[in-house]
Amino acid sequence: MFARAALRTTSMAAKPSVARQVVARRAYTIPTAEQQIKQFFHDRPVPVDAYPLIAITVIMCSGATYMLSKHIREDHDHNRWAPGQGLVKFQLPADK
C-alpha cells in the first residue's frame, strides 16, 4: 500500500502540470521590447519624405532637453520651483 502511494506521488510529480506548460508556452512566445519596436516600424513604415521633419524634431527636442538640464544644474541657486524657495526674494514693485 505504501509502495502504491509512493509510485502515485512520484508519477504525478514527474508529469508537468497543464498550467506550467501554458505559462512556459506564453513566456516563450512573448516578444522582447526590441522585437516589438522593430515590428512596429516594420508594420508602419515612415515615408522617406518625413525623414527631414523627424530629424529636425529629434534635434530640437534633444537641444531643449540639454538646455533645460543645464539650466537646472548651473542656475539652481536662483530657481524658484515653489513660492518661498530659492535664494531670490520675490518682491512686487509696490513692496519697496
PDB file of N, CA and C in Angstrom:
ATOM      1  N   MET A   1       0.826  -1.185   0.000  1.00  0.00           N
ATOM      2  CA  MET A   1       0.000   0.000   0.000  1.00  0.00           C
ATOM      3  C   MET A   1       0.877   1.259   0.000  1.00  0.00           C
ATOM      4  N   PHE A   2       1.909   1.240   0.796  1.00  0.00           N
ATOM      5  CA  PHE A   2       2.821   2.382   0.834  1.00  0.00           C
ATOM      6  C   PHE A   2       3.518   2.546  -0.517  1.00  0.00           C
ATOM      7  N   ALA A   3       3.897   1.435  -1.107  1.00  0.00           N
ATOM      8  CA  ALA A   3       4.584   1.486  -2.400  1.00  0.00           C
ATOM      9  C   ALA A   3       3.668   2.062  -3.472  1.00  0.00           C
ATOM     10  N   ARG A   4       2.389   1.695  -3.447  1.00  0.00           N
ATOM     11  CA  ARG A   4       1.442   2.211  -4.428  1.00  0.00           C
ATOM     12  C   ARG A   4       1.281   3.729  -4.274  1.00  0.00           C
ATOM     13  N   ALA A   5       1.184   4.205  -3.043  1.00  0.00           N
ATOM     14  CA  ALA A   5       1.048   5.644  -2.802  1.00  0.00           C
ATOM     15  C   ALA A   5       2.313   6.383  -3.229  1.00  0.00           C
ATOM     16  N   ALA A   6       3.467   5.796  -2.961  1.00  0.00           N
ATOM     17  CA  ALA A   6       4.726   6.426  -3.352  1.00  0.00           C
ATOM     18  C   ALA A   6       4.846   6.493  -4.868  1.00  0.00           C
ATOM     19  N   LEU A   7       4.454   5.411  -5.556  1.00  0.00           N
ATOM     20  CA  LEU A   7       4.505   5.421  -7.017  1.00  0.00           C
ATOM     21  C   LEU A   7       3.548   6.449  -7.606  1.00  0.00           C
ATOM     22  N   ARG A   8       2.362   6.557  -7.024  1.00  0.00           N
ATOM     23  CA  ARG A   8       1.386   7.528  -7.500  1.00  0.00           C
ATOM     24  C   ARG A   8       1.925   8.951  -7.322  1.00  0.00           C
ATOM     25  N   THR A   9       2.562   9.223  -6.198  1.00  0.00           N
ATOM     26  CA  THR A   9       3.099  10.556  -5.925  1.00  0.00           C
ATOM     27  C   THR A   9       4.230  10.889  -6.881  1.00  0.00           C
ATOM     28  N   THR A  10       5.136   9.948  -7.100  1.00  0.00           N
ATOM     29  CA  THR A  10       6.263  10.225  -7.993  1.00  0.00           C
ATOM     30  C   THR A  10       5.817  10.361  -9.436  1.00  0.00           C
ATOM     31  N   SER A  11       4.822   9.584  -9.850  1.00  0.00           N
ATOM     32  CA  SER A  11       4.367   9.702 -11.236  1.00  0.00           C
ATOM     33  C   SER A  11       3.646  11.023 -11.454  1.00  0.00           C
ATOM     34  N   MET A  12       2.924  11.515 -10.439  1.00  0.00           N
ATOM     35  CA  MET A  12       2.246  12.810 -10.578  1.00  0.00           C
ATOM     36  C   MET A  12       3.260  13.944 -10.572  1.00  0.00           C
ATOM     37  N   ALA A  13       4.314  13.791  -9.785  1.00  0.00           N
ATOM     38  CA  ALA A  13       5.328  14.840  -9.739  1.00  0.00           C
ATOM     39  C   ALA A  13       6.142  14.872 -11.025  1.00  0.00           C
ATOM     40  N   ALA A  14       6.268  13.746 -11.679  1.00  0.00           N
ATOM     41  CA  ALA A  14       7.060  13.681 -12.908  1.00  0.00           C
ATOM     42  C   ALA A  14       6.340  14.356 -14.067  1.00  0.00           C
ATOM     43  N   LYS A  15       5.011  14.343 -14.093  1.00  0.00           N
ATOM     44  CA  LYS A  15       4.254  14.965 -15.177  1.00  0.00           C
ATOM     45  C   LYS A  15       4.188  16.473 -14.943  1.00  0.00           C
ATOM     46  N   PRO A  16       4.534  17.250 -15.935  1.00  0.00           N
ATOM     47  CA  PRO A  16       4.361  18.697 -15.764  1.00  0.00           C
ATOM     48  C   PRO A  16       2.874  19.053 -15.827  1.00  0.00           C
ATOM     49  N   SER A  17       2.489  19.954 -15.007  1.00  0.00           N
ATOM     50  CA  SER A  17       1.077  20.320 -14.985  1.00  0.00           C
ATOM     51  C   SER A  17       0.725  21.132 -16.230  1.00  0.00           C
ATOM     52  N   VAL A  18      -0.544  21.158 -16.527  1.00  0.00           N
ATOM     53  CA  VAL A  18      -1.016  21.901 -17.695  1.00  0.00           C
ATOM     54  C   VAL A  18      -0.751  23.390 -17.505  1.00  0.00           C
ATOM     55  N   ALA A  19      -0.929  23.871 -16.279  1.00  0.00           N
ATOM     56  CA  ALA A  19      -0.695  25.295 -16.016  1.00  0.00           C
ATOM     57  C   ALA A  19       0.762  25.660 -16.275  1.00  0.00           C
ATOM     58  N   ARG A  20       1.684  24.787 -15.859  1.00  0.00           N
ATOM     59  CA  ARG A  20       3.104  25.071 -16.102  1.00  0.00           C
ATOM     60  C   ARG A  20       3.403  25.085 -17.593  1.00  0.00           C
ATOM     61  N   GLN A  21       2.786  24.185 -18.327  1.00  0.00           N
ATOM     62  CA  GLN A  21       3.010  24.153 -19.771  1.00  0.00           C
ATOM     63  C   GLN A  21       2.492  25.425 -20.432  1.00  0.00           C
ATOM     64  N   VAL A  22       1.335  25.895 -19.991  1.00  0.00           N
ATOM     65  CA  VAL A  22       0.760  27.114 -20.567  1.00  0.00           C
ATOM     66  C   VAL A  22       1.642  28.308 -20.251  1.00  0.00           C
ATOM     67  N   VAL A  23       2.101  28.410 -19.008  1.00  0.00           N
ATOM     68  CA  VAL A  23       2.961  29.534 -18.625  1.00  0.00           C
ATOM     69  C   VAL A  23       4.266  29.484 -19.402  1.00  0.00           C
ATOM     70  N   ALA A  24       4.847  28.297 -19.528  1.00  0.00           N
ATOM     71  CA  ALA A  24       6.096  28.169 -20.279  1.00  0.00           C
ATOM     72  C   ALA A  24       5.884  28.541 -21.743  1.00  0.00           C
ATOM     73  N   ARG A  25       4.765  28.145 -22.315  1.00  0.00           N
ATOM     74  CA  ARG A  25       4.484  28.465 -23.710  1.00  0.00           C
ATOM     75  C   ARG A  25       4.293  29.968 -23.880  1.00  0.00           C
ATOM     76  N   ARG A  26       3.577  30.598 -22.955  1.00  0.00           N
ATOM     77  CA  ARG A  26       3.367  32.048 -23.051  1.00  0.00           C
ATOM     78  C   ARG A  26       4.679  32.800 -22.880  1.00  0.00           C
ATOM     79  N   ALA A  27       5.493  32.374 -21.928  1.00  0.00           N
ATOM     80  CA  ALA A  27       6.768  33.052 -21.705  1.00  0.00           C
ATOM     81  C   ALA A  27       7.663  32.938 -22.930  1.00  0.00           C
ATOM     82  N   TYR A  28       7.548  31.840 -23.642  1.00  0.00           N
ATOM     83  CA  TYR A  28       8.383  31.652 -24.822  1.00  0.00           C
ATOM     84  C   TYR A  28       7.905  32.525 -25.975  1.00  0.00           C
ATOM     85  N   THR A  29       6.607  32.765 -26.070  1.00  0.00           N
ATOM     86  CA  THR A  29       6.073  33.495 -27.217  1.00  0.00           C
ATOM     87  C   THR A  29       5.964  34.996 -26.992  1.00  0.00           C
ATOM     88  N   ILE A  30       6.204  35.490 -25.780  1.00  0.00           N
ATOM     89  CA  ILE A  30       6.126  36.930 -25.536  1.00  0.00           C
ATOM     90  C   ILE A  30       7.328  37.594 -26.201  1.00  0.00           C
ATOM     91  N   PRO A  31       7.098  38.559 -27.097  1.00  0.00           N
ATOM     92  CA  PRO A  31       8.231  39.195 -27.767  1.00  0.00           C
ATOM     93  C   PRO A  31       8.964  40.138 -26.819  1.00  0.00           C
ATOM     94  N   THR A  32      10.241  40.305 -27.071  1.00  0.00           N
ATOM     95  CA  THR A  32      11.034  41.235 -26.268  1.00  0.00           C
ATOM     96  C   THR A  32      10.717  42.657 -26.705  1.00  0.00           C
ATOM     97  N   ALA A  33      11.203  43.619 -25.943  1.00  0.00           N
ATOM     98  CA  ALA A  33      10.953  45.024 -26.272  1.00  0.00           C
ATOM     99  C   ALA A  33      11.573  45.381 -27.618  1.00  0.00           C
ATOM    100  N   GLU A  34      12.751  44.859 -27.880  1.00  0.00           N
ATOM    101  CA  GLU A  34      13.409  45.154 -29.151  1.00  0.00           C
ATOM    102  C   GLU A  34      12.610  44.596 -30.321  1.00  0.00           C
ATOM    103  N   GLN A  35      12.071  43.404 -30.157  1.00  0.00           N
ATOM    104  CA  GLN A  35      11.259  42.819 -31.228  1.00  0.00           C
ATOM    105  C   GLN A  35       9.980  43.617 -31.442  1.00  0.00           C
ATOM    106  N   GLN A  36       9.392  44.127 -30.362  1.00  0.00           N
ATOM    107  CA  GLN A  36       8.164  44.914 -30.504  1.00  0.00           C
ATOM    108  C   GLN A  36       8.432  46.207 -31.256  1.00  0.00           C
ATOM    109  N   ILE A  37       9.552  46.875 -30.957  1.00  0.00           N
ATOM    110  CA  ILE A  37       9.877  48.129 -31.642  1.00  0.00           C
ATOM    111  C   ILE A  37      10.143  47.868 -33.120  1.00  0.00           C
ATOM    112  N   LYS A  38      10.921  46.828 -33.405  1.00  0.00           N
ATOM    113  CA  LYS A  38      11.196  46.501 -34.804  1.00  0.00           C
ATOM    114  C   LYS A  38       9.910  46.159 -35.548  1.00  0.00           C
ATOM    115  N   GLN A  39       9.028  45.416 -34.903  1.00  0.00           N
ATOM    116  CA  GLN A  39       7.769  45.036 -35.540  1.00  0.00           C
ATOM    117  C   GLN A  39       6.899  46.264 -35.793  1.00  0.00           C
ATOM    118  N   PHE A  40       6.903  47.231 -34.854  1.00  0.00           N
ATOM    119  CA  PHE A  40       6.115  48.449 -35.032  1.00  0.00           C
ATOM    120  C   PHE A  40       6.555  49.198 -36.281  1.00  0.00           C
ATOM    121  N   PHE A  41       7.867  49.392 -36.437  1.00  0.00           N
ATOM    122  CA  PHE A  41       8.348  50.130 -37.598  1.00  0.00           C
ATOM    123  C   PHE A  41       8.267  49.297 -38.874  1.00  0.00           C
ATOM    124  N   HIS A  42       8.243  47.999 -38.737  1.00  0.00           N
ATOM    125  CA  HIS A  42       8.065  47.157 -39.917  1.00  0.00           C
ATOM    126  C   HIS A  42       6.618  47.223 -40.395  1.00  0.00           C
ATOM    127  N   ASP A  43       5.673  47.239 -39.462  1.00  0.00           N
ATOM    128  CA  ASP A  43       4.256  47.288 -39.828  1.00  0.00           C
ATOM    129  C   ASP A  43       3.832  48.669 -40.305  1.00  0.00           C
ATOM    130  N   ARG A  44       4.398  49.725 -39.726  1.00  0.00           N
ATOM    131  CA  ARG A  44       4.030  51.098 -40.067  1.00  0.00           C
ATOM    132  C   ARG A  44       5.286  51.850 -40.508  1.00  0.00           C
ATOM    133  N   PRO A  45       5.720  51.653 -41.722  1.00  0.00           N
ATOM    134  CA  PRO A  45       6.960  52.314 -42.145  1.00  0.00           C
ATOM    135  C   PRO A  45       6.767  53.822 -42.259  1.00  0.00           C
ATOM    136  N   VAL A  46       7.824  54.562 -41.978  1.00  0.00           N
ATOM    137  CA  VAL A  46       7.801  56.018 -42.079  1.00  0.00           C
ATOM    138  C   VAL A  46       8.145  56.384 -43.518  1.00  0.00           C
ATOM    139  N   PRO A  47       7.342  57.229 -44.153  1.00  0.00           N
ATOM    140  CA  PRO A  47       7.671  57.625 -45.524  1.00  0.00           C
ATOM    141  C   PRO A  47       8.977  58.419 -45.567  1.00  0.00           C
ATOM    142  N   VAL A  48       9.702  58.278 -46.639  1.00  0.00           N
ATOM    143  CA  VAL A  48      11.003  58.936 -46.777  1.00  0.00           C
ATOM    144  C   VAL A  48      10.844  60.450 -46.728  1.00  0.00           C
ATOM    145  N   ASP A  49       9.727  60.970 -47.184  1.00  0.00           N
ATOM    146  CA  ASP A  49       9.511  62.419 -47.172  1.00  0.00           C
ATOM    147  C   ASP A  49       9.490  62.981 -45.756  1.00  0.00           C
ATOM    148  N   ALA A  50       9.187  62.155 -44.769  1.00  0.00           N
ATOM    149  CA  ALA A  50       9.090  62.638 -43.392  1.00  0.00           C
ATOM    150  C   ALA A  50      10.423  62.595 -42.653  1.00  0.00           C
ATOM    151  N   TYR A  51      11.465  62.025 -43.248  1.00  0.00           N
ATOM    152  CA  TYR A  51      12.756  61.916 -42.562  1.00  0.00           C
ATOM    153  C   TYR A  51      13.321  63.270 -42.125  1.00  0.00           C
ATOM    154  N   PRO A  52      13.332  64.306 -42.980  1.00  0.00           N
ATOM    155  CA  PRO A  52      13.864  65.599 -42.514  1.00  0.00           C
ATOM    156  C   PRO A  52      13.062  66.187 -41.352  1.00  0.00           C
ATOM    157  N   LEU A  53      11.755  66.058 -41.409  1.00  0.00           N
ATOM    158  CA  LEU A  53      10.920  66.571 -40.323  1.00  0.00           C
ATOM    159  C   LEU A  53      11.207  65.833 -39.019  1.00  0.00           C
ATOM    160  N   ILE A  54      11.363  64.521 -39.099  1.00  0.00           N
ATOM    161  CA  ILE A  54      11.674  63.732 -37.903  1.00  0.00           C
ATOM    162  C   ILE A  54      13.049  64.108 -37.371  1.00  0.00           C
ATOM    163  N   ALA A  55      14.024  64.292 -38.262  1.00  0.00           N
ATOM    164  CA  ALA A  55      15.375  64.659 -37.832  1.00  0.00           C
ATOM    165  C   ALA A  55      15.380  66.016 -37.136  1.00  0.00           C
ATOM    166  N   ILE A  56      14.683  66.994 -37.705  1.00  0.00           N
ATOM    167  CA  ILE A  56      14.625  68.325 -37.084  1.00  0.00           C
ATOM    168  C   ILE A  56      13.948  68.247 -35.724  1.00  0.00           C
ATOM    169  N   THR A  57      12.866  67.485 -35.623  1.00  0.00           N
ATOM    170  CA  THR A  57      12.154  67.344 -34.351  1.00  0.00           C
ATOM    171  C   THR A  57      13.039  66.704 -33.294  1.00  0.00           C
ATOM    172  N   VAL A  58      13.760  65.661 -33.659  1.00  0.00           N
ATOM    173  CA  VAL A  58      14.644  64.987 -32.698  1.00  0.00           C
ATOM    174  C   VAL A  58      15.759  65.922 -32.249  1.00  0.00           C
ATOM    175  N   ILE A  59      16.353  66.662 -33.172  1.00  0.00           N
ATOM    176  CA  ILE A  59      17.435  67.588 -32.821  1.00  0.00           C
ATOM    177  C   ILE A  59      16.921  68.693 -31.907  1.00  0.00           C
ATOM    178  N   MET A  60      15.756  69.253 -32.205  1.00  0.00           N
ATOM    179  CA  MET A  60      15.213  70.334 -31.374  1.00  0.00           C
ATOM    180  C   MET A  60      14.857  69.832 -29.977  1.00  0.00           C
ATOM    181  N   CYS A  61      14.264  68.655 -29.893  1.00  0.00           N
ATOM    182  CA  CYS A  61      13.906  68.111 -28.572  1.00  0.00           C
ATOM    183  C   CYS A  61      15.145  67.787 -27.751  1.00  0.00           C
ATOM    184  N   SER A  62      16.169  67.231 -28.387  1.00  0.00           N
ATOM    185  CA  SER A  62      17.382  66.921 -27.627  1.00  0.00           C
ATOM    186  C   SER A  62      18.079  68.202 -27.185  1.00  0.00           C
ATOM    187  N   GLY A  63      18.089  69.228 -28.033  1.00  0.00           N
ATOM    188  CA  GLY A  63      18.675  70.510 -27.631  1.00  0.00           C
ATOM    189  C   GLY A  63      17.911  71.155 -26.494  1.00  0.00           C
ATOM    190  N   ALA A  64      16.596  71.106 -26.553  1.00  0.00           N
ATOM    191  CA  ALA A  64      15.787  71.678 -25.472  1.00  0.00           C
ATOM    192  C   ALA A  64      16.001  70.924 -24.169  1.00  0.00           C
ATOM    193  N   THR A  65      16.109  69.610 -24.247  1.00  0.00           N
ATOM    194  CA  THR A  65      16.365  68.815 -23.044  1.00  0.00           C
ATOM    195  C   THR A  65      17.730  69.149 -22.468  1.00  0.00           C
ATOM    196  N   TYR A  66      18.735  69.297 -23.332  1.00  0.00           N
ATOM    197  CA  TYR A  66      20.078  69.653 -22.860  1.00  0.00           C
ATOM    198  C   TYR A  66      20.072  71.020 -22.182  1.00  0.00           C
ATOM    199  N   MET A  67      19.442  72.013 -22.805  1.00  0.00           N
ATOM    200  CA  MET A  67      19.440  73.360 -22.228  1.00  0.00           C
ATOM    201  C   MET A  67      18.668  73.401 -20.914  1.00  0.00           C
ATOM    202  N   LEU A  68      17.575  72.668 -20.826  1.00  0.00           N
ATOM    203  CA  LEU A  68      16.822  72.633 -19.577  1.00  0.00           C
ATOM    204  C   LEU A  68      17.640  71.992 -18.469  1.00  0.00           C
ATOM    205  N   SER A  69      18.284  70.876 -18.763  1.00  0.00           N
ATOM    206  CA  SER A  69      19.087  70.222 -17.722  1.00  0.00           C
ATOM    207  C   SER A  69      20.280  71.089 -17.334  1.00  0.00           C
ATOM    208  N   LYS A  70      20.883  71.785 -18.301  1.00  0.00           N
ATOM    209  CA  LYS A  70      21.997  72.686 -17.994  1.00  0.00           C
ATOM    210  C   LYS A  70      21.523  73.842 -17.113  1.00  0.00           C
ATOM    211  N   HIS A  71      20.374  74.394 -17.422  1.00  0.00           N
ATOM    212  CA  HIS A  71      19.839  75.496 -16.624  1.00  0.00           C
ATOM    213  C   HIS A  71      19.547  75.036 -15.198  1.00  0.00           C
ATOM    214  N   ILE A  72      18.985  73.860 -15.044  1.00  0.00           N
ATOM    215  CA  ILE A  72      18.673  73.357 -13.704  1.00  0.00           C
ATOM    216  C   ILE A  72      19.958  73.094 -12.929  1.00  0.00           C
ATOM    217  N   ARG A  73      20.985  72.537 -13.594  1.00  0.00           N
ATOM    218  CA  ARG A  73      22.248  72.237 -12.906  1.00  0.00           C
ATOM    219  C   ARG A  73      23.011  73.499 -12.532  1.00  0.00           C
ATOM    220  N   GLU A  74      23.132  74.443 -13.458  1.00  0.00           N
ATOM    221  CA  GLU A  74      24.012  75.589 -13.234  1.00  0.00           C
ATOM    222  C   GLU A  74      23.322  76.755 -12.541  1.00  0.00           C
ATOM    223  N   ASP A  75      22.045  76.919 -12.723  1.00  0.00           N
ATOM    224  CA  ASP A  75      21.346  78.072 -12.159  1.00  0.00           C
ATOM    225  C   ASP A  75      20.443  77.673 -11.009  1.00  0.00           C
ATOM    226  N   HIS A  76      20.826  76.630 -10.298  1.00  0.00           N
ATOM    227  CA  HIS A  76      19.948  76.138  -9.230  1.00  0.00           C
ATOM    228  C   HIS A  76      19.883  77.098  -8.047  1.00  0.00           C
ATOM    229  N   ASP A  77      20.818  78.073  -7.964  1.00  0.00           N
ATOM    230  CA  ASP A  77      20.797  78.980  -6.815  1.00  0.00           C
ATOM    231  C   ASP A  77      19.662  79.992  -6.901  1.00  0.00           C
ATOM    232  N   HIS A  78      19.168  80.286  -8.096  1.00  0.00           N
ATOM    233  CA  HIS A  78      18.075  81.252  -8.167  1.00  0.00           C
ATOM    234  C   HIS A  78      16.821  80.690  -8.830  1.00  0.00           C
ATOM    235  N   ASN A  79      16.742  79.404  -8.955  1.00  0.00           N
ATOM    236  CA  ASN A  79      15.488  78.812  -9.434  1.00  0.00           C
ATOM    237  C   ASN A  79      14.478  78.800  -8.299  1.00  0.00           C
ATOM    238  N   ARG A  80      13.274  79.188  -8.604  1.00  0.00           N
ATOM    239  CA  ARG A  80      12.213  79.128  -7.598  1.00  0.00           C
ATOM    240  C   ARG A  80      11.184  78.142  -8.104  1.00  0.00           C
ATOM    241  N   TRP A  81      11.191  76.917  -7.582  1.00  0.00           N
ATOM    242  CA  TRP A  81      10.250  75.902  -8.010  1.00  0.00           C
ATOM    243  C   TRP A  81       8.905  76.070  -7.322  1.00  0.00           C
ATOM    244  N   ALA A  82       8.902  76.734  -6.180  1.00  0.00           N
ATOM    245  CA  ALA A  82       7.668  76.983  -5.441  1.00  0.00           C
ATOM    246  C   ALA A  82       7.838  78.306  -4.705  1.00  0.00           C
ATOM    247  N   PRO A  83       6.750  78.950  -4.319  1.00  0.00           N
ATOM    248  CA  PRO A  83       6.884  80.214  -3.590  1.00  0.00           C
ATOM    249  C   PRO A  83       7.707  80.033  -2.319  1.00  0.00           C
ATOM    250  N   GLY A  84       8.631  80.956  -2.106  1.00  0.00           N
ATOM    251  CA  GLY A  84       9.466  80.900  -0.910  1.00  0.00           C
ATOM    252  C   GLY A  84      10.678  80.008  -1.048  1.00  0.00           C
ATOM    253  N   GLN A  85      10.872  79.388  -2.193  1.00  0.00           N
ATOM    254  CA  GLN A  85      12.030  78.513  -2.404  1.00  0.00           C
ATOM    255  C   GLN A  85      13.111  79.281  -3.168  1.00  0.00           C
ATOM    256  N   GLY A  86      14.336  78.882  -3.029  1.00  0.00           N
ATOM    257  CA  GLY A  86      15.437  79.510  -3.745  1.00  0.00           C
ATOM    258  C   GLY A  86      15.999  80.677  -2.963  1.00  0.00           C
ATOM    259  N   LEU A  87      17.068  81.272  -3.503  1.00  0.00           N
ATOM    260  CA  LEU A  87      17.753  82.362  -2.803  1.00  0.00           C
ATOM    261  C   LEU A  87      17.286  83.736  -3.250  1.00  0.00           C
ATOM    262  N   VAL A  88      16.395  83.813  -4.212  1.00  0.00           N
ATOM    263  CA  VAL A  88      15.913  85.095  -4.702  1.00  0.00           C
ATOM    264  C   VAL A  88      14.617  85.429  -3.993  1.00  0.00           C
ATOM    265  N   LYS A  89      14.568  86.626  -3.430  1.00  0.00           N
ATOM    266  CA  LYS A  89      13.347  87.047  -2.753  1.00  0.00           C
ATOM    267  C   LYS A  89      12.419  87.688  -3.783  1.00  0.00           C
ATOM    268  N   PHE A  90      11.193  87.229  -3.806  1.00  0.00           N
ATOM    269  CA  PHE A  90      10.213  87.738  -4.750  1.00  0.00           C
ATOM    270  C   PHE A  90       9.559  88.981  -4.159  1.00  0.00           C
ATOM    271  N   GLN A  91       9.680  90.100  -4.880  1.00  0.00           N
ATOM    272  CA  GLN A  91       9.069  91.342  -4.413  1.00  0.00           C
ATOM    273  C   GLN A  91       8.280  91.979  -5.545  1.00  0.00           C
ATOM    274  N   LEU A  92       7.129  92.475  -5.198  1.00  0.00           N
ATOM    275  CA  LEU A  92       6.357  93.261  -6.151  1.00  0.00           C
ATOM    276  C   LEU A  92       6.874  94.692  -6.111  1.00  0.00           C
ATOM    277  N   PRO A  93       6.726  95.444  -7.203  1.00  0.00           N
ATOM    278  CA  PRO A  93       7.232  96.827  -7.208  1.00  0.00           C
ATOM    279  C   PRO A  93       6.615  97.697  -6.114  1.00  0.00           C
ATOM    280  N   ALA A  94       5.401  97.446  -5.702  1.00  0.00           N
ATOM    281  CA  ALA A  94       4.755  98.268  -4.680  1.00  0.00           C
ATOM    282  C   ALA A  94       5.286  97.962  -3.284  1.00  0.00           C
ATOM    283  N   ASP A  95       6.033  96.883  -3.094  1.00  0.00           N
ATOM    284  CA  ASP A  95       6.522  96.496  -1.771  1.00  0.00           C
ATOM    285  C   ASP A  95       7.812  97.201  -1.373  1.00  0.00           C
ATOM    286  N   LYS A  96       8.365  98.045  -2.212  1.00  0.00           N
ATOM    287  CA  LYS A  96       9.641  98.697  -1.901  1.00  0.00           C
ATOM    288  C   LYS A  96       9.466  99.635  -0.793  1.00  0.00           C
TER     289      LYS A  96
END
